C-alpha cells in the first residue's frame, strides 16, 4: 500500500470556526495564521518549520494545544495568549522537539521568557 502525502495548506486569516475548518486535514501550513480563536482544524499538524502563537487573547486550547505536533525546526514561541492554560503550554513545550533549541513560552500575556 502506498503512503499518502501530507496535505500542505497556505496560511491566512481565521475569524471563525468555518474559516478554521478549511485547515482540517492539513499536514503542514505554509505562512501565517492570524486572529485565532481556536486551533481547531489544525490539530493534525505534526511537523513545522516554526511555530509562533502570539497575541491571541481569546485563543483556547479546548482539546490540547496542537496535540499531534512533535517536531519544529526553528523556534517555538507561545506568548500573550490569555485563553491558554499553563497546563496547555507546558504540555506542548514538553512534547515538541525543537531542533533550533529555542523555546519561548509565557502564560500571563506579558513578554515571554526564553526557556533554554
Protein backbone atom coordinates (compact mmCIF):
# COMPACT_ATOMS: atom_id res chain seq x y z
CA UNK A 1 0.00 0.00 0.00
CA UNK A 2 1.40 3.42 -0.96
CA UNK A 3 1.84 6.12 1.69
CA UNK A 4 -0.40 9.16 1.40
CA UNK A 5 1.42 12.50 1.17
CA UNK A 6 0.59 15.08 3.82
CA UNK A 7 -1.60 17.91 2.57
CA UNK A 8 0.16 21.30 2.52
CA UNK A 9 -2.05 24.36 3.09
CA UNK A 10 -1.48 28.10 2.73
CA UNK A 11 -1.80 30.34 5.80
CA UNK A 12 -4.44 33.01 6.12
CA UNK A 13 -6.74 34.93 8.44
CA UNK A 14 -9.07 32.93 10.68
CA UNK A 15 -12.04 34.83 12.15
CA UNK A 16 -14.43 31.95 12.75
CA UNK A 17 -14.80 28.20 13.13
CA UNK A 18 -15.84 27.76 9.46
CA UNK A 19 -12.68 29.58 8.37
CA UNK A 20 -10.59 27.35 10.68
CA UNK A 21 -12.30 24.26 9.27
CA UNK A 22 -10.57 24.73 5.93
CA UNK A 23 -7.33 23.65 7.65
CA UNK A 24 -8.70 20.26 8.72
CA UNK A 25 -6.52 17.54 7.28
CA UNK A 26 -3.52 19.81 6.71
CA UNK A 27 -0.20 18.12 7.40
CA UNK A 28 1.62 21.46 7.15
CA UNK A 29 0.76 25.13 6.82
CA UNK A 30 2.93 27.49 4.81
CA UNK A 31 2.66 31.07 6.03
CA UNK A 32 0.89 32.66 8.96
CA UNK A 33 -2.48 32.10 10.54
CA UNK A 34 -3.80 35.30 12.10
CA UNK A 35 -6.58 36.36 14.58
CA UNK A 36 -7.08 32.93 16.09
CA UNK A 37 -9.86 32.00 18.47
CA UNK A 38 -9.19 28.27 18.27
CA UNK A 39 -6.64 25.92 16.77
CA UNK A 40 -9.43 23.58 15.68
CA UNK A 41 -8.80 22.47 12.15
CA UNK A 42 -5.03 22.26 12.51
CA UNK A 43 -4.80 19.66 15.25
CA UNK A 44 -3.35 17.13 12.77
CA UNK A 45 -0.19 19.19 12.05
CA UNK A 46 2.77 17.01 13.06
CA UNK A 47 5.84 18.99 11.93
CA UNK A 48 6.51 22.69 11.37
CA UNK A 49 9.40 24.89 10.33
CA UNK A 50 8.47 27.26 13.15
CA UNK A 51 5.53 27.85 15.46
CA UNK A 52 4.76 31.25 16.95
CA UNK A 53 1.45 31.59 18.77
CA UNK A 54 1.31 35.20 19.97
CA UNK A 55 -1.19 37.86 20.87
CA UNK A 56 -4.37 35.82 20.64
CA UNK A 57 -6.25 36.98 23.75
CA UNK A 58 -9.24 34.70 23.22
CA UNK A 59 -7.41 31.62 21.92
CA UNK A 60 -8.46 28.50 23.79
CA UNK A 61 -6.84 25.07 23.78
CA UNK A 62 -10.07 23.06 24.14
CA UNK A 63 -8.59 19.70 23.19
CA UNK A 64 -4.93 20.38 23.85
CA UNK A 65 -2.56 22.70 22.06
CA UNK A 66 -1.60 21.16 18.71
CA UNK A 67 -1.87 17.57 20.02
CA UNK A 68 -0.08 15.93 17.06
CA UNK A 69 2.79 18.42 16.79
CA UNK A 70 6.03 16.61 17.61
CA UNK A 71 8.84 18.46 15.80
CA UNK A 72 9.66 22.10 15.00
CA UNK A 73 12.81 23.06 13.07
CA UNK A 74 13.10 26.64 14.30
CA UNK A 75 11.83 28.49 17.39
CA UNK A 76 8.67 27.53 19.24
CA UNK A 77 7.06 30.64 20.74
CA UNK A 78 3.85 30.72 22.81
CA UNK A 79 3.16 34.10 24.45
CA UNK A 80 0.41 36.63 25.15
CA UNK A 81 -2.42 34.11 24.72
CA UNK A 82 -4.58 34.70 27.78
CA UNK A 83 -7.03 31.90 26.92
CA UNK A 84 -4.39 29.17 27.11
CA UNK A 85 -3.77 27.49 30.42
CA UNK A 86 -0.36 26.90 31.92
CA UNK A 87 -1.05 23.18 31.53
CA UNK A 88 -1.74 23.55 27.77
CA UNK A 89 1.50 25.46 27.28
CA UNK A 90 3.65 23.13 29.39
CA UNK A 91 2.24 20.11 27.54
CA UNK A 92 3.21 21.39 24.09
CA UNK A 93 6.61 22.68 25.26
CA UNK A 94 7.39 19.35 26.91
CA UNK A 95 6.27 17.26 23.93
CA UNK A 96 7.68 19.08 20.92
CA UNK A 97 11.28 18.53 19.82
CA UNK A 98 12.73 21.89 18.72
CA UNK A 99 15.78 21.46 16.50
CA UNK A 100 16.90 25.09 16.89
CA UNK A 101 16.79 24.60 20.68
CA UNK A 102 14.90 27.80 21.36
CA UNK A 103 11.57 27.77 23.15
CA UNK A 104 9.79 30.86 24.49
CA UNK A 105 6.62 30.43 26.50
CA UNK A 106 4.51 32.67 28.71
CA UNK A 107 1.19 32.14 30.43
CA UNK A 108 0.44 35.64 31.71
CA UNK A 109 0.20 37.56 28.45
CA UNK A 110 3.39 39.51 29.23
CA UNK A 111 6.67 39.17 27.37
CA UNK A 112 7.84 35.57 27.12
CA UNK A 113 10.96 34.25 28.68
CA UNK A 114 13.40 32.08 26.78
CA UNK A 115 13.38 28.62 28.30
CA UNK A 116 16.75 27.41 27.01
